[in-house]
Amino acid sequence: MSETLRSNCAVQPRSRRPRVFEPLSYQAFLEAPAQYVERLPLERVSDIRTRHTYVLHAPKGDLKWVYEEDAGIFSPWDMHRPVESVADVETLLSVPYKFTPPAPAPFEAFRRHRAEMKENAIGAAAA
């Protein structure tokens, strides 16, 4: 981003990044609390292939996500997805979840900037 653009546009509120965007998340079991997710030991499938297994312990049963990846290849592929049926959806929905909204303070600079810019304010998001 150019310095001119940055000086005019760089009001960037910060908040917790949703776990669905973490590298090994499978949608972080759709944001289930971390204490319900168990990472099992890695398995060597072959000389180059590794299997990763995660288990979501839910009140209505366990859901499992298994993916494999080859050394030097940065595109893992699912071997077993945690939600494959309506029953799996019910199991996922049984996980207790409490939404904790982000703190409002990091957004105040953004709100002030939008108020000052009035109809010239443009909202955007960047990773």
N, C-alpha and C. Protein backbone atom coordinates (compact mmCIF):
# COMPACT_ATOMS: atom_id res chain seq x y z
N MET A 1 0.86 -1.17 0.00
CA MET A 1 0.00 0.00 0.00
C MET A 1 0.90 1.23 0.00
N SER A 2 0.59 2.19 -0.83
CA SER A 2 1.41 3.41 -0.90
C SER A 2 1.25 4.22 0.39
N GLU A 3 2.27 5.03 0.69
CA GLU A 3 2.23 5.84 1.91
C GLU A 3 1.09 6.85 1.87
N THR A 4 0.80 7.41 0.69
CA THR A 4 -0.32 8.34 0.56
C THR A 4 -1.63 7.66 0.89
N LEU A 5 -1.83 6.49 0.32
CA LEU A 5 -3.04 5.74 0.60
C LEU A 5 -3.11 5.35 2.07
N ARG A 6 -1.99 4.90 2.61
CA ARG A 6 -1.95 4.49 4.02
C ARG A 6 -2.30 5.67 4.93
N SER A 7 -1.77 6.85 4.64
CA SER A 7 -2.02 8.00 5.51
C SER A 7 -3.48 8.43 5.47
N ASN A 8 -4.17 8.17 4.37
CA ASN A 8 -5.57 8.55 4.26
C ASN A 8 -6.55 7.46 4.65
N CYS A 9 -6.09 6.22 4.71
CA CYS A 9 -7.02 5.12 4.86
C CYS A 9 -6.70 4.13 5.97
N ALA A 10 -5.65 4.31 6.67
CA ALA A 10 -5.15 3.24 7.53
C ALA A 10 -5.72 3.23 8.94
N VAL A 11 -6.98 3.42 9.09
CA VAL A 11 -7.60 3.24 10.40
C VAL A 11 -7.98 1.77 10.47
N GLN A 12 -7.27 1.01 11.29
CA GLN A 12 -7.45 -0.44 11.27
C GLN A 12 -7.78 -0.98 12.67
N PRO A 13 -9.04 -1.16 12.97
CA PRO A 13 -9.36 -1.77 14.27
C PRO A 13 -8.87 -3.21 14.30
N ARG A 14 -8.44 -3.65 15.45
CA ARG A 14 -7.95 -5.02 15.61
C ARG A 14 -8.84 -5.77 16.60
N SER A 15 -9.15 -6.97 16.27
CA SER A 15 -9.89 -7.82 17.19
C SER A 15 -9.42 -9.25 16.97
N ARG A 16 -9.90 -10.15 17.79
CA ARG A 16 -9.51 -11.55 17.69
C ARG A 16 -9.93 -12.09 16.33
N ARG A 17 -9.00 -12.74 15.68
CA ARG A 17 -9.29 -13.37 14.39
C ARG A 17 -10.09 -14.65 14.65
N PRO A 18 -11.20 -14.85 13.98
CA PRO A 18 -11.96 -16.08 14.19
C PRO A 18 -11.10 -17.32 13.90
N ARG A 19 -11.27 -18.35 14.71
CA ARG A 19 -10.47 -19.55 14.54
C ARG A 19 -10.73 -20.23 13.20
N VAL A 20 -11.82 -19.90 12.55
CA VAL A 20 -12.08 -20.53 11.25
C VAL A 20 -11.01 -20.18 10.24
N PHE A 21 -10.22 -19.13 10.50
CA PHE A 21 -9.17 -18.74 9.57
C PHE A 21 -7.80 -19.25 10.00
N GLU A 22 -7.72 -20.04 11.05
CA GLU A 22 -6.44 -20.61 11.45
C GLU A 22 -6.07 -21.72 10.48
N PRO A 23 -4.77 -21.95 10.30
CA PRO A 23 -4.32 -22.90 9.28
C PRO A 23 -4.88 -24.32 9.43
N LEU A 24 -4.96 -24.84 10.63
CA LEU A 24 -5.41 -26.22 10.81
C LEU A 24 -6.76 -26.24 11.50
N SER A 25 -7.75 -25.72 10.86
CA SER A 25 -8.98 -25.50 11.60
C SER A 25 -10.17 -26.35 11.20
N TYR A 26 -10.26 -26.85 9.99
CA TYR A 26 -11.51 -27.34 9.41
C TYR A 26 -12.66 -26.53 9.97
N GLN A 27 -12.55 -25.25 9.72
CA GLN A 27 -13.51 -24.29 10.25
C GLN A 27 -13.49 -24.34 11.77
N ALA A 28 -12.34 -24.79 12.34
CA ALA A 28 -12.17 -24.91 13.79
C ALA A 28 -13.38 -25.61 14.39
N PHE A 29 -13.78 -26.68 13.67
CA PHE A 29 -15.00 -27.39 14.04
C PHE A 29 -16.11 -26.38 14.25
N LEU A 30 -16.16 -25.43 13.30
CA LEU A 30 -17.16 -24.38 13.29
C LEU A 30 -17.17 -23.60 14.61
N GLU A 31 -15.96 -23.23 15.05
CA GLU A 31 -15.75 -22.38 16.23
C GLU A 31 -16.10 -23.07 17.55
N ALA A 32 -16.06 -24.37 17.61
CA ALA A 32 -16.26 -25.05 18.89
C ALA A 32 -15.14 -24.63 19.84
N PRO A 33 -15.44 -24.47 21.13
CA PRO A 33 -14.39 -24.10 22.09
C PRO A 33 -13.23 -25.10 22.06
N ALA A 34 -12.02 -24.58 22.17
CA ALA A 34 -10.81 -25.39 22.05
C ALA A 34 -10.76 -26.55 23.04
N GLN A 35 -11.35 -26.40 24.20
CA GLN A 35 -11.26 -27.48 25.20
C GLN A 35 -12.00 -28.75 24.77
N TYR A 36 -12.83 -28.66 23.74
CA TYR A 36 -13.54 -29.84 23.25
C TYR A 36 -12.80 -30.53 22.09
N VAL A 37 -11.72 -29.91 21.61
CA VAL A 37 -11.00 -30.45 20.45
C VAL A 37 -9.72 -31.13 20.91
N GLU A 38 -9.55 -32.37 20.49
CA GLU A 38 -8.34 -33.14 20.83
C GLU A 38 -7.56 -33.42 19.55
N ARG A 39 -6.28 -33.13 19.59
CA ARG A 39 -5.40 -33.45 18.45
C ARG A 39 -4.69 -34.75 18.78
N LEU A 40 -4.94 -35.77 17.96
CA LEU A 40 -4.31 -37.07 18.18
C LEU A 40 -2.88 -37.06 17.62
N PRO A 41 -2.03 -38.00 18.04
CA PRO A 41 -0.67 -38.04 17.52
C PRO A 41 -0.65 -38.21 16.00
N LEU A 42 0.34 -37.61 15.37
CA LEU A 42 0.50 -37.74 13.92
C LEU A 42 0.78 -39.19 13.56
N GLU A 43 0.30 -39.60 12.39
CA GLU A 43 0.57 -40.95 11.88
C GLU A 43 1.36 -40.84 10.59
N ARG A 44 2.41 -41.64 10.48
CA ARG A 44 3.16 -41.72 9.22
C ARG A 44 2.47 -42.76 8.35
N VAL A 45 1.91 -42.33 7.24
CA VAL A 45 1.20 -43.23 6.33
C VAL A 45 2.18 -43.85 5.34
N SER A 46 3.19 -43.08 4.95
CA SER A 46 4.24 -43.57 4.05
C SER A 46 5.49 -42.74 4.32
N ASP A 47 6.50 -42.94 3.48
CA ASP A 47 7.74 -42.17 3.66
C ASP A 47 7.52 -40.67 3.53
N ILE A 48 6.52 -40.28 2.76
CA ILE A 48 6.29 -38.85 2.55
C ILE A 48 4.95 -38.36 3.09
N ARG A 49 4.07 -39.25 3.48
CA ARG A 49 2.71 -38.85 3.85
C ARG A 49 2.48 -38.93 5.36
N THR A 50 1.82 -37.88 5.88
CA THR A 50 1.47 -37.80 7.30
C THR A 50 -0.03 -37.62 7.43
N ARG A 51 -0.63 -38.32 8.39
CA ARG A 51 -2.07 -38.20 8.67
C ARG A 51 -2.26 -37.42 9.97
N HIS A 52 -3.16 -36.44 9.90
CA HIS A 52 -3.52 -35.61 11.06
C HIS A 52 -4.95 -35.96 11.45
N THR A 53 -5.17 -36.17 12.73
CA THR A 53 -6.51 -36.51 13.21
C THR A 53 -6.89 -35.61 14.38
N TYR A 54 -8.06 -35.03 14.29
CA TYR A 54 -8.63 -34.21 15.36
C TYR A 54 -9.98 -34.80 15.74
N VAL A 55 -10.30 -34.78 17.03
CA VAL A 55 -11.58 -35.28 17.51
C VAL A 55 -12.27 -34.16 18.28
N LEU A 56 -13.51 -33.93 17.94
CA LEU A 56 -14.34 -32.99 18.69
C LEU A 56 -15.21 -33.81 19.62
N HIS A 57 -14.98 -33.64 20.92
CA HIS A 57 -15.76 -34.36 21.93
C HIS A 57 -17.01 -33.53 22.25
N ALA A 58 -18.13 -33.98 21.76
CA ALA A 58 -19.39 -33.27 21.93
C ALA A 58 -20.30 -34.07 22.87
N PRO A 59 -21.24 -33.41 23.52
CA PRO A 59 -22.17 -34.12 24.39
C PRO A 59 -22.93 -35.26 23.70
N LYS A 60 -23.20 -35.11 22.41
CA LYS A 60 -23.95 -36.15 21.69
C LYS A 60 -23.04 -37.12 20.96
N GLY A 61 -21.74 -37.10 21.26
CA GLY A 61 -20.81 -38.02 20.62
C GLY A 61 -19.61 -37.29 20.04
N ASP A 62 -18.68 -38.05 19.53
CA ASP A 62 -17.47 -37.47 18.96
C ASP A 62 -17.60 -37.29 17.45
N LEU A 63 -16.97 -36.23 16.97
CA LEU A 63 -16.83 -36.01 15.53
C LEU A 63 -15.35 -36.02 15.22
N LYS A 64 -14.98 -36.57 14.07
CA LYS A 64 -13.58 -36.70 13.73
C LYS A 64 -13.28 -36.02 12.41
N TRP A 65 -12.13 -35.36 12.36
CA TRP A 65 -11.62 -34.78 11.12
C TRP A 65 -10.25 -35.38 10.88
N VAL A 66 -10.06 -35.95 9.71
CA VAL A 66 -8.78 -36.56 9.34
C VAL A 66 -8.35 -35.98 8.01
N TYR A 67 -7.12 -35.50 7.97
CA TYR A 67 -6.57 -35.06 6.69
C TYR A 67 -5.15 -35.57 6.57
N GLU A 68 -4.67 -35.65 5.33
CA GLU A 68 -3.32 -36.11 5.07
C GLU A 68 -2.58 -35.06 4.24
N GLU A 69 -1.26 -35.07 4.37
CA GLU A 69 -0.44 -34.18 3.56
C GLU A 69 0.88 -34.87 3.26
N ASP A 70 1.44 -34.53 2.11
CA ASP A 70 2.73 -35.07 1.69
C ASP A 70 3.81 -34.03 1.97
N ALA A 71 4.99 -34.51 2.31
CA ALA A 71 6.12 -33.63 2.55
C ALA A 71 6.38 -32.78 1.31
N GLY A 72 6.57 -31.48 1.52
CA GLY A 72 6.88 -30.58 0.42
C GLY A 72 5.68 -30.12 -0.38
N ILE A 73 4.50 -30.61 -0.06
CA ILE A 73 3.28 -30.18 -0.74
C ILE A 73 2.40 -29.51 0.30
N PHE A 74 2.02 -28.29 0.04
CA PHE A 74 1.32 -27.52 1.05
C PHE A 74 -0.18 -27.48 0.81
N SER A 75 -0.72 -28.54 0.28
CA SER A 75 -2.16 -28.66 0.06
C SER A 75 -2.64 -29.96 0.69
N PRO A 76 -3.05 -29.91 1.95
CA PRO A 76 -3.58 -31.12 2.57
C PRO A 76 -4.95 -31.47 1.98
N TRP A 77 -5.37 -32.72 2.13
CA TRP A 77 -6.68 -33.12 1.64
C TRP A 77 -7.40 -33.92 2.71
N ASP A 78 -8.69 -33.71 2.78
CA ASP A 78 -9.52 -34.38 3.79
C ASP A 78 -9.70 -35.85 3.45
N MET A 79 -9.54 -36.67 4.46
CA MET A 79 -9.83 -38.10 4.34
C MET A 79 -11.17 -38.41 4.99
N HIS A 80 -11.50 -37.63 6.03
CA HIS A 80 -12.78 -37.79 6.72
C HIS A 80 -13.17 -36.42 7.27
N ARG A 81 -14.32 -35.95 6.87
CA ARG A 81 -14.80 -34.65 7.35
C ARG A 81 -15.67 -34.85 8.58
N PRO A 82 -15.65 -33.88 9.50
CA PRO A 82 -16.40 -34.07 10.75
C PRO A 82 -17.91 -34.04 10.58
N VAL A 83 -18.41 -33.32 9.59
CA VAL A 83 -19.86 -33.24 9.37
C VAL A 83 -20.18 -33.84 8.02
N GLU A 84 -20.79 -35.03 8.06
CA GLU A 84 -21.13 -35.74 6.82
C GLU A 84 -22.59 -36.14 6.76
N SER A 85 -23.35 -35.82 7.81
CA SER A 85 -24.77 -36.21 7.83
C SER A 85 -25.55 -35.25 8.71
N VAL A 86 -26.86 -35.37 8.67
CA VAL A 86 -27.72 -34.56 9.54
C VAL A 86 -27.44 -34.90 11.00
N ALA A 87 -27.20 -36.16 11.30
CA ALA A 87 -26.88 -36.56 12.68
C ALA A 87 -25.60 -35.87 13.16
N ASP A 88 -24.62 -35.73 12.26
CA ASP A 88 -23.38 -35.04 12.62
C ASP A 88 -23.65 -33.57 12.94
N VAL A 89 -24.58 -32.97 12.23
CA VAL A 89 -24.95 -31.58 12.51
C VAL A 89 -25.54 -31.49 13.91
N GLU A 90 -26.41 -32.41 14.25
CA GLU A 90 -26.99 -32.42 15.61
C GLU A 90 -25.91 -32.59 16.67
N THR A 91 -24.95 -33.44 16.39
CA THR A 91 -23.84 -33.65 17.32
C THR A 91 -23.04 -32.36 17.48
N LEU A 92 -22.73 -31.71 16.38
CA LEU A 92 -21.99 -30.46 16.43
C LEU A 92 -22.75 -29.39 17.21
N LEU A 93 -24.05 -29.31 16.99
CA LEU A 93 -24.86 -28.31 17.68
C LEU A 93 -24.98 -28.57 19.17
N SER A 94 -24.63 -29.77 19.62
CA SER A 94 -24.72 -30.07 21.05
C SER A 94 -23.54 -29.52 21.84
N VAL A 95 -22.51 -29.03 21.17
CA VAL A 95 -21.34 -28.48 21.87
C VAL A 95 -21.72 -27.14 22.49
N PRO A 96 -21.51 -27.00 23.80
CA PRO A 96 -21.80 -25.71 24.44
C PRO A 96 -20.90 -24.62 23.85
N TYR A 97 -21.48 -23.50 23.55
CA TYR A 97 -20.70 -22.40 22.99
C TYR A 97 -21.20 -21.10 23.56
N LYS A 98 -20.27 -20.27 24.01
CA LYS A 98 -20.62 -18.96 24.52
C LYS A 98 -19.93 -17.92 23.65
N PHE A 99 -20.70 -17.08 23.00
CA PHE A 99 -20.13 -16.03 22.15
C PHE A 99 -19.54 -14.93 23.03
N THR A 100 -18.29 -14.62 22.80
CA THR A 100 -17.63 -13.52 23.51
C THR A 100 -17.31 -12.46 22.47
N PRO A 101 -18.06 -11.38 22.45
CA PRO A 101 -17.80 -10.35 21.44
C PRO A 101 -16.45 -9.69 21.68
N PRO A 102 -15.84 -9.16 20.62
CA PRO A 102 -14.56 -8.48 20.78
C PRO A 102 -14.74 -7.20 21.59
N ALA A 103 -13.68 -6.78 22.25
CA ALA A 103 -13.72 -5.54 23.02
C ALA A 103 -13.99 -4.37 22.06
N PRO A 104 -14.84 -3.42 22.47
CA PRO A 104 -15.17 -2.31 21.56
C PRO A 104 -14.05 -1.29 21.40
N ALA A 105 -13.13 -1.18 22.36
CA ALA A 105 -12.09 -0.14 22.32
C ALA A 105 -11.28 -0.13 21.03
N PRO A 106 -10.83 -1.27 20.50
CA PRO A 106 -10.03 -1.21 19.27
C PRO A 106 -10.78 -0.62 18.06
N PHE A 107 -12.10 -0.55 18.13
CA PHE A 107 -12.89 -0.05 17.01
C PHE A 107 -13.18 1.46 17.11
N GLU A 108 -12.83 2.08 18.22
CA GLU A 108 -13.16 3.49 18.40
C GLU A 108 -12.48 4.40 17.39
N ALA A 109 -11.20 4.16 17.08
CA ALA A 109 -10.51 5.00 16.09
C ALA A 109 -11.20 4.88 14.73
N PHE A 110 -11.63 3.69 14.40
CA PHE A 110 -12.35 3.46 13.15
C PHE A 110 -13.67 4.22 13.14
N ARG A 111 -14.40 4.15 14.24
CA ARG A 111 -15.69 4.85 14.32
C ARG A 111 -15.51 6.36 14.21
N ARG A 112 -14.49 6.89 14.90
CA ARG A 112 -14.23 8.34 14.82
C ARG A 112 -13.88 8.73 13.38
N HIS A 113 -13.04 7.94 12.75
CA HIS A 113 -12.63 8.23 11.38
C HIS A 113 -13.84 8.23 10.44
N ARG A 114 -14.71 7.24 10.57
CA ARG A 114 -15.91 7.19 9.73
C ARG A 114 -16.79 8.40 9.97
N ALA A 115 -16.93 8.80 11.22
CA ALA A 115 -17.76 9.97 11.54
C ALA A 115 -17.17 11.24 10.92
N GLU A 116 -15.85 11.37 10.96
CA GLU A 116 -15.20 12.55 10.39
C GLU A 116 -15.33 12.57 8.86
N MET A 117 -15.25 11.40 8.24
CA MET A 117 -15.29 11.30 6.77
C MET A 117 -16.71 11.43 6.22
N LYS A 118 -17.70 11.24 7.05
CA LYS A 118 -19.10 11.31 6.65
C LYS A 118 -19.38 10.47 5.41
N GLU A 119 -19.94 11.06 4.34
CA GLU A 119 -20.30 10.28 3.17
C GLU A 119 -19.08 9.82 2.36
N ASN A 120 -17.89 10.31 2.69
CA ASN A 120 -16.67 9.89 1.98
C ASN A 120 -16.01 8.67 2.61
N ALA A 121 -16.57 8.14 3.67
CA ALA A 121 -15.98 6.99 4.35
C ALA A 121 -16.21 5.72 3.52
N ILE A 122 -15.17 4.95 3.40
CA ILE A 122 -15.26 3.68 2.68
C ILE A 122 -14.75 2.60 3.62
N GLY A 123 -15.54 1.56 3.79
CA GLY A 123 -15.13 0.45 4.66
C GLY A 123 -14.50 -0.65 3.85
N ALA A 124 -13.53 -1.33 4.43
CA ALA A 124 -12.86 -2.44 3.75
C ALA A 124 -12.26 -3.37 4.79
N ALA A 125 -11.88 -4.54 4.36
CA ALA A 125 -11.22 -5.48 5.25
C ALA A 125 -10.02 -6.07 4.51
N ALA A 126 -8.96 -6.29 5.22
CA ALA A 126 -7.77 -6.89 4.62
C ALA A 126 -7.22 -7.93 5.58
N ALA A 127 -6.60 -8.92 5.02
CA ALA A 127 -6.00 -9.98 5.86
C ALA A 127 -4.66 -9.54 6.35
